[in-house]
Protein backbone atom coordinates (compact mmCIF):
# COMPACT_ATOMS: atom_id res chain seq x y z
CA UNK A 1 -13.68 -71.92 -52.58
CA UNK A 2 -12.28 -68.53 -51.65
CA UNK A 3 -10.91 -69.13 -48.12
CA UNK A 4 -8.75 -72.17 -48.68
CA UNK A 5 -5.12 -72.56 -49.67
CA UNK A 6 -4.52 -73.55 -53.25
CA UNK A 7 -1.51 -75.61 -54.28
CA UNK A 8 -2.00 -74.75 -57.94
CA UNK A 9 -1.29 -71.22 -59.15
CA UNK A 10 -4.63 -70.87 -60.90
CA UNK A 11 -6.75 -67.76 -60.35
CA UNK A 12 -10.35 -67.15 -61.37
CA UNK A 13 -11.14 -63.85 -63.06
CA UNK A 14 -14.40 -61.95 -62.98
CA UNK A 15 -15.48 -60.37 -66.24
CA UNK A 16 -17.49 -57.32 -67.14
CA UNK A 17 -21.18 -57.74 -66.51
CA UNK A 18 -22.56 -57.80 -70.02
CA UNK A 19 -26.03 -59.01 -70.92
CA UNK A 20 -25.98 -62.27 -72.97
CA UNK A 21 -27.46 -60.54 -76.00
CA UNK A 22 -24.74 -57.87 -75.82
CA UNK A 23 -21.70 -60.18 -75.87
CA UNK A 24 -21.18 -60.05 -79.63
CA UNK A 25 -21.78 -56.26 -80.03
CA UNK A 26 -19.43 -55.60 -77.08
CA UNK A 27 -16.81 -57.90 -78.60
CA UNK A 28 -17.02 -56.17 -81.99
CA UNK A 29 -16.86 -52.70 -80.41
CA UNK A 30 -13.79 -53.52 -78.32
CA UNK A 31 -12.12 -55.18 -81.32
CA UNK A 32 -12.72 -52.17 -83.59
CA UNK A 33 -11.42 -49.76 -80.95
CA UNK A 34 -8.34 -51.92 -80.41
CA UNK A 35 -7.58 -52.03 -84.14
CA UNK A 36 -8.00 -48.23 -84.29
CA UNK A 37 -5.61 -47.76 -81.34
CA UNK A 38 -2.95 -49.97 -82.88
CA UNK A 39 -3.21 -48.54 -86.41
CA UNK A 40 -3.46 -44.87 -85.38
CA UNK A 41 -0.69 -44.87 -82.78
CA UNK A 42 1.76 -46.98 -84.75
CA UNK A 43 0.90 -44.93 -87.85
CA UNK A 44 1.69 -41.76 -85.91
CA UNK A 45 5.09 -43.11 -84.83
CA UNK A 46 5.92 -44.24 -88.38
CA UNK A 47 4.83 -40.88 -89.78
CA UNK A 48 7.07 -38.98 -87.37
CA UNK A 49 9.93 -41.39 -88.03
CA UNK A 50 9.72 -41.02 -91.82
CA UNK A 51 9.18 -37.24 -91.97
CA UNK A 52 12.39 -35.33 -91.32
CA UNK A 53 10.46 -32.12 -90.69
CA UNK A 54 8.82 -33.81 -87.71
CA UNK A 55 12.14 -34.81 -86.12
CA UNK A 56 11.63 -32.22 -83.39
CA UNK A 57 11.71 -32.82 -79.61
CA UNK A 58 7.95 -32.32 -79.22
CA UNK A 59 7.12 -35.03 -81.75
CA UNK A 60 9.86 -37.39 -80.60
CA UNK A 61 8.48 -37.15 -77.07
CA UNK A 62 5.02 -37.74 -78.50
CA UNK A 63 6.27 -41.12 -79.79
CA UNK A 64 6.68 -42.15 -76.14
CA UNK A 65 2.98 -41.53 -75.57
CA UNK A 66 1.93 -43.46 -78.67
CA UNK A 67 4.14 -46.44 -77.80
CA UNK A 68 2.81 -46.42 -74.24
CA UNK A 69 -0.79 -46.33 -75.51
CA UNK A 70 -0.21 -49.36 -77.75
CA UNK A 71 1.45 -51.12 -74.81
CA UNK A 72 -1.41 -50.34 -72.41
CA UNK A 73 -4.17 -51.31 -74.83
CA UNK A 74 -2.44 -54.58 -75.73
CA UNK A 75 -2.24 -55.56 -72.06
CA UNK A 76 -5.96 -55.28 -71.43
CA UNK A 77 -8.13 -55.37 -74.55
CA UNK A 78 -7.13 -58.79 -76.01
CA UNK A 79 -7.60 -60.25 -72.54
CA UNK A 80 -11.08 -58.72 -72.20
CA UNK A 81 -12.00 -59.87 -75.71
CA UNK A 82 -11.00 -63.44 -74.89
CA UNK A 83 -12.96 -63.51 -71.63
CA UNK A 84 -16.10 -62.08 -73.24
CA UNK A 85 -16.39 -65.25 -75.32
CA UNK A 86 -15.32 -67.70 -72.63
CA UNK A 87 -17.71 -69.47 -70.25
CA UNK A 88 -17.26 -68.91 -66.52
CA UNK A 89 -15.48 -72.25 -66.04
CA UNK A 90 -12.69 -71.28 -68.45
CA UNK A 91 -11.99 -67.76 -67.19
CA UNK A 92 -8.74 -68.35 -65.34
CA UNK A 93 -5.16 -67.09 -65.30
CA UNK A 94 -1.90 -68.42 -63.86
CA UNK A 95 -0.55 -66.47 -60.91
CA UNK A 96 2.72 -65.62 -62.66
CA UNK A 97 0.82 -64.31 -65.69
CA UNK A 98 -1.40 -62.32 -63.34
CA UNK A 99 1.62 -60.74 -61.64
CA UNK A 100 3.17 -59.85 -65.02
CA UNK A 101 -0.10 -58.33 -66.18
CA UNK A 102 -0.43 -56.30 -62.97
CA UNK A 103 3.12 -55.00 -63.43
CA UNK A 104 2.41 -53.99 -67.03
CA UNK A 105 -0.91 -52.35 -66.12
CA UNK A 106 0.73 -50.12 -63.51
CA UNK A 107 3.78 -49.48 -65.69
CA UNK A 108 1.48 -48.17 -68.42
CA UNK A 109 -0.44 -45.97 -65.97
CA UNK A 110 2.73 -44.62 -64.33
CA UNK A 111 4.48 -44.00 -67.66
CA UNK A 112 1.42 -42.07 -68.85
CA UNK A 113 2.04 -39.55 -66.07
CA UNK A 114 5.83 -39.39 -66.34
CA UNK A 115 5.72 -39.03 -70.15
CA UNK A 116 3.18 -36.20 -69.90
CA UNK A 117 5.43 -34.53 -67.34
CA UNK A 118 8.40 -34.43 -69.73
CA UNK A 119 6.12 -33.24 -72.53
CA UNK A 120 4.99 -30.38 -70.26
CA UNK A 121 8.66 -29.51 -69.63
CA UNK A 122 9.24 -29.40 -73.39
CA UNK A 123 6.33 -26.97 -73.84
CA UNK A 124 7.66 -24.82 -70.99
CA UNK A 125 11.10 -24.50 -72.58
CA UNK A 126 9.63 -23.84 -76.04
CA UNK A 127 7.36 -21.03 -74.86
CA UNK A 128 9.26 -19.51 -71.93
CA UNK A 129 12.80 -19.87 -73.32
CA UNK A 130 12.37 -19.98 -77.11
CA UNK A 131 15.87 -18.64 -77.85
CA UNK A 132 17.49 -21.40 -75.79
CA UNK A 133 15.13 -24.17 -76.89
CA UNK A 134 17.48 -25.70 -79.48
CA UNK A 135 20.42 -25.73 -77.05
CA UNK A 136 18.38 -27.24 -74.19
CA UNK A 137 16.18 -29.76 -76.01
CA UNK A 138 18.93 -31.60 -77.86
CA UNK A 139 18.62 -35.19 -79.03
CA UNK A 140 20.59 -36.25 -75.99
CA UNK A 141 18.18 -34.42 -73.70
CA UNK A 142 15.18 -36.04 -75.41
CA UNK A 143 16.70 -39.50 -74.92
CA UNK A 144 17.57 -38.69 -71.29
CA UNK A 145 14.07 -37.44 -70.54
CA UNK A 146 12.48 -40.48 -72.22
CA UNK A 147 14.67 -42.95 -70.31
CA UNK A 148 14.00 -41.07 -67.06
CA UNK A 149 10.23 -41.23 -67.62
CA UNK A 150 10.23 -44.98 -68.28
CA UNK A 151 12.94 -45.79 -65.71
CA UNK A 152 11.20 -43.96 -62.86
CA UNK A 153 7.90 -45.66 -63.66
CA UNK A 154 9.62 -49.07 -63.88
CA UNK A 155 11.30 -48.78 -60.46
CA UNK A 156 8.19 -47.50 -58.68
CA UNK A 157 5.99 -50.24 -60.13
CA UNK A 158 8.57 -53.00 -59.56
CA UNK A 159 8.59 -52.23 -55.82
CA UNK A 160 4.78 -51.92 -55.76
CA UNK A 161 4.13 -55.32 -57.36
CA UNK A 162 7.09 -56.95 -55.61
CA UNK A 163 5.57 -56.20 -52.20
CA UNK A 164 2.38 -58.00 -53.27
CA UNK A 165 4.11 -61.00 -54.85
CA UNK A 166 5.96 -61.75 -51.58
CA UNK A 167 2.65 -62.45 -49.78
CA UNK A 168 1.23 -65.93 -49.37
CA UNK A 169 -2.20 -66.62 -50.87
CA UNK A 170 -5.39 -67.98 -49.35
CA UNK A 171 -7.83 -66.93 -52.08
CA UNK A 172 -8.08 -67.59 -55.80
CA UNK A 173 -10.64 -65.10 -57.11
CA UNK A 174 -9.67 -61.84 -58.82
CA UNK A 175 -12.60 -59.44 -58.51
CA UNK A 176 -11.59 -57.60 -61.67
CA UNK A 177 -11.58 -58.25 -65.44
CA UNK A 178 -7.77 -58.06 -65.34
CA UNK A 179 -5.01 -58.24 -62.74
CA UNK A 180 -3.69 -55.20 -60.93
CA UNK A 181 -1.76 -54.67 -57.71
CA UNK A 182 -4.85 -54.38 -55.50
CA UNK A 183 -6.14 -57.67 -56.90
CA UNK A 184 -2.84 -59.35 -56.03
CA UNK A 185 -2.55 -58.38 -52.39
CA UNK A 186 -6.27 -59.01 -51.80
CA UNK A 187 -5.51 -62.71 -52.47
CA UNK A 188 -3.57 -62.87 -49.20
CA UNK A 189 -4.80 -63.31 -45.64
CA UNK A 190 -1.60 -61.76 -44.22
CA UNK A 191 -1.27 -58.18 -43.05
CA UNK A 192 -1.04 -55.83 -46.03
CA UNK A 193 -0.12 -52.76 -43.99
CA UNK A 194 3.21 -52.35 -45.79
CA UNK A 195 1.45 -52.68 -49.15
CA UNK A 196 -1.10 -50.02 -48.19
CA UNK A 197 1.58 -47.65 -46.91
CA UNK A 198 3.75 -47.99 -50.01
CA UNK A 199 0.71 -47.92 -52.29
CA UNK A 200 -0.44 -44.67 -50.72
CA UNK A 201 3.08 -43.24 -50.94
CA UNK A 202 3.39 -44.38 -54.56
CA UNK A 203 0.09 -42.69 -55.44
CA UNK A 204 0.99 -39.49 -53.60
CA UNK A 205 4.46 -39.28 -55.16
CA UNK A 206 3.30 -40.08 -58.69
CA UNK A 207 0.13 -37.99 -58.77
CA UNK A 208 1.57 -35.27 -56.56
CA UNK A 209 4.67 -34.76 -58.68
CA UNK A 210 2.59 -35.04 -61.83
CA UNK A 211 -0.04 -32.51 -60.77
CA UNK A 212 2.55 -30.20 -59.18
CA UNK A 213 4.92 -30.10 -62.15
CA UNK A 214 2.20 -29.73 -64.79
CA UNK A 215 0.39 -27.03 -62.77
CA UNK A 216 3.60 -25.09 -62.17
CA UNK A 217 4.56 -25.41 -65.83
CA UNK A 218 1.26 -24.06 -67.10
CA UNK A 219 1.18 -21.25 -64.55
CA UNK A 220 4.57 -20.09 -65.82
CA UNK A 221 3.42 -20.43 -69.43
CA UNK A 222 0.29 -18.41 -68.62
CA UNK A 223 2.40 -15.74 -66.90
CA UNK A 224 4.64 -15.44 -69.96
CA UNK A 225 1.64 -15.16 -72.28
CA UNK A 226 -0.02 -12.49 -70.14
CA UNK A 227 3.15 -10.41 -69.73
CA UNK A 228 4.16 -10.61 -73.41
CA UNK A 229 0.76 -9.53 -74.81
CA UNK A 230 1.92 -11.05 -78.08
CA UNK A 231 -1.07 -12.47 -79.94
CA UNK A 232 1.10 -14.72 -82.10
CA UNK A 233 2.87 -16.17 -79.05
CA UNK A 234 -0.40 -16.62 -77.16
CA UNK A 235 -2.02 -18.34 -80.14
CA UNK A 236 0.91 -20.74 -80.52
CA UNK A 237 0.95 -21.48 -76.80
CA UNK A 238 -2.79 -22.19 -76.81
CA UNK A 239 -2.48 -24.46 -79.84
CA UNK A 240 0.44 -26.51 -78.53
CA UNK A 241 -0.67 -26.70 -74.90
CA UNK A 242 -4.42 -27.28 -75.28
CA UNK A 243 -3.97 -30.83 -76.61
CA UNK A 244 -1.49 -31.74 -73.89
CA UNK A 245 -3.67 -30.27 -71.15
CA UNK A 246 -6.82 -32.02 -72.42
CA UNK A 247 -5.07 -35.41 -72.43
CA UNK A 248 -3.62 -34.78 -68.97
CA UNK A 249 -6.94 -33.74 -67.40
CA UNK A 250 -8.67 -36.83 -68.82
CA UNK A 251 -5.88 -39.09 -67.53
CA UNK A 252 -5.93 -37.47 -64.10
CA UNK A 253 -9.71 -37.74 -63.78
CA UNK A 254 -9.60 -41.41 -64.75
CA UNK A 255 -6.84 -42.13 -62.19
CA UNK A 256 -8.67 -40.37 -59.35
CA UNK A 257 -11.96 -42.13 -60.13
CA UNK A 258 -10.31 -45.59 -60.09
CA UNK A 259 -8.47 -44.84 -56.82
CA UNK A 260 -11.68 -43.61 -55.19
CA UNK A 261 -13.81 -46.52 -56.42
CA UNK A 262 -11.25 -49.01 -55.02
CA UNK A 263 -12.25 -47.73 -51.57
CA UNK A 264 -15.92 -48.65 -52.11
CA UNK A 265 -16.38 -52.43 -52.64
CA UNK A 266 -20.10 -51.95 -53.29
CA UNK A 267 -19.20 -50.02 -56.44
CA UNK A 268 -16.97 -52.77 -57.84
CA UNK A 269 -18.98 -53.08 -61.07
CA UNK A 270 -18.54 -49.36 -61.77
CA UNK A 271 -14.81 -49.63 -61.01
CA UNK A 272 -14.43 -52.50 -63.51
CA UNK A 273 -16.06 -50.47 -66.26
CA UNK A 274 -13.99 -47.36 -65.52
CA UNK A 275 -10.76 -49.40 -65.34
CA UNK A 276 -11.37 -51.05 -68.71
CA UNK A 277 -12.51 -47.80 -70.35
CA UNK A 278 -9.36 -46.10 -69.07
CA UNK A 279 -7.29 -48.57 -71.10
CA UNK A 280 -9.59 -48.26 -74.12
CA UNK A 281 -10.73 -44.65 -74.33
CA UNK A 282 -7.47 -42.92 -73.36
CA UNK A 283 -5.24 -44.52 -76.03
CA UNK A 284 -7.91 -43.90 -78.69
CA UNK A 285 -8.43 -40.28 -77.64
CA UNK A 286 -4.70 -39.58 -77.48
CA UNK A 287 -4.25 -40.65 -81.10
CA UNK A 288 -7.19 -38.51 -82.22
CA UNK A 289 -6.23 -35.43 -80.20
CA UNK A 290 -2.56 -35.42 -81.09
CA UNK A 291 -2.98 -36.71 -84.62
CA UNK A 292 -5.67 -34.26 -85.68
CA UNK A 293 -5.02 -31.21 -83.53
CA UNK A 294 -1.29 -30.78 -84.19
CA UNK A 295 -1.00 -28.89 -87.44
CA UNK A 296 2.12 -30.55 -88.84
CA UNK A 297 0.87 -34.06 -88.19
CA UNK A 298 -2.56 -33.24 -89.63
CA UNK A 299 -0.98 -31.88 -92.81
CA UNK A 300 1.10 -35.03 -93.21
CA UNK A 301 -1.93 -37.28 -92.78
CA UNK A 302 -3.95 -35.25 -95.30
CA UNK A 303 -1.03 -35.39 -97.75
CA UNK A 304 -0.87 -39.16 -97.44
CA UNK A 305 -4.59 -39.53 -98.19
CA UNK A 306 -4.28 -37.11 -101.11
CA UNK A 307 -1.39 -39.08 -102.60
CA UNK A 308 -3.35 -42.31 -102.24
CA UNK A 309 -6.34 -40.79 -104.06
CA UNK A 310 -4.11 -39.56 -106.87
């Protein structure tokens, strides 16, 4: 079935290996996590939008992360939930839908890095140039940075997926619970040298610029904190940067693990689990970390609950 040419654009998807007795618990767990991601992230955006005191560059940039998390979770989790309850014979997807899903999956992953990069720049300006912060991080600058983050990710991913879509297909099985770029070009029997070259360049540029900019930013922040010897400044820097750095390290570790596991076909089951968890755990953790660790947001949430109780 795998080495013949198909006239119909129907692809067969593999699903997570879940024991039959665990289907319902797994479905309920994924559903609850998805509801939490949607409610918490959208609630965070609404809270920032409605509270004038939170109309600051840091929180406005944070809205990009929350929107991206809702976007990423909505691409994968409903699809996984549907396939958990479907028999093998009904687990299929149209090629066009698969290509769109692959584009969205990589757009979410790329935007996660570019958004965190502009958030790191915001923290750098706030801590290293506090007197010029208001003049640098204007509303126009926030909009420009946000559009740059999403626009760069969009262009890089459009080329990545476009190179795979151009290939002819001789297979119809996606060895993944959802579609991504690697799944697309593995459907072809043509040479994928160009895809591998661009894919490697895309990974190097995205992760390299991400790691380089964030590392340089935090080294400069650390240098300012050490040279100032100001306990108040150091405490504020630690409070505002710890959440960002924790989210970034988790995202980076997840990205490296998926890239490495793609190179070992015998570990495909582990890669599937890590890939799905990356789209489940990261959005949930981001909402918790940013929502509960940032003082202003935490105070607003507690005030809302207090008002409801009253």
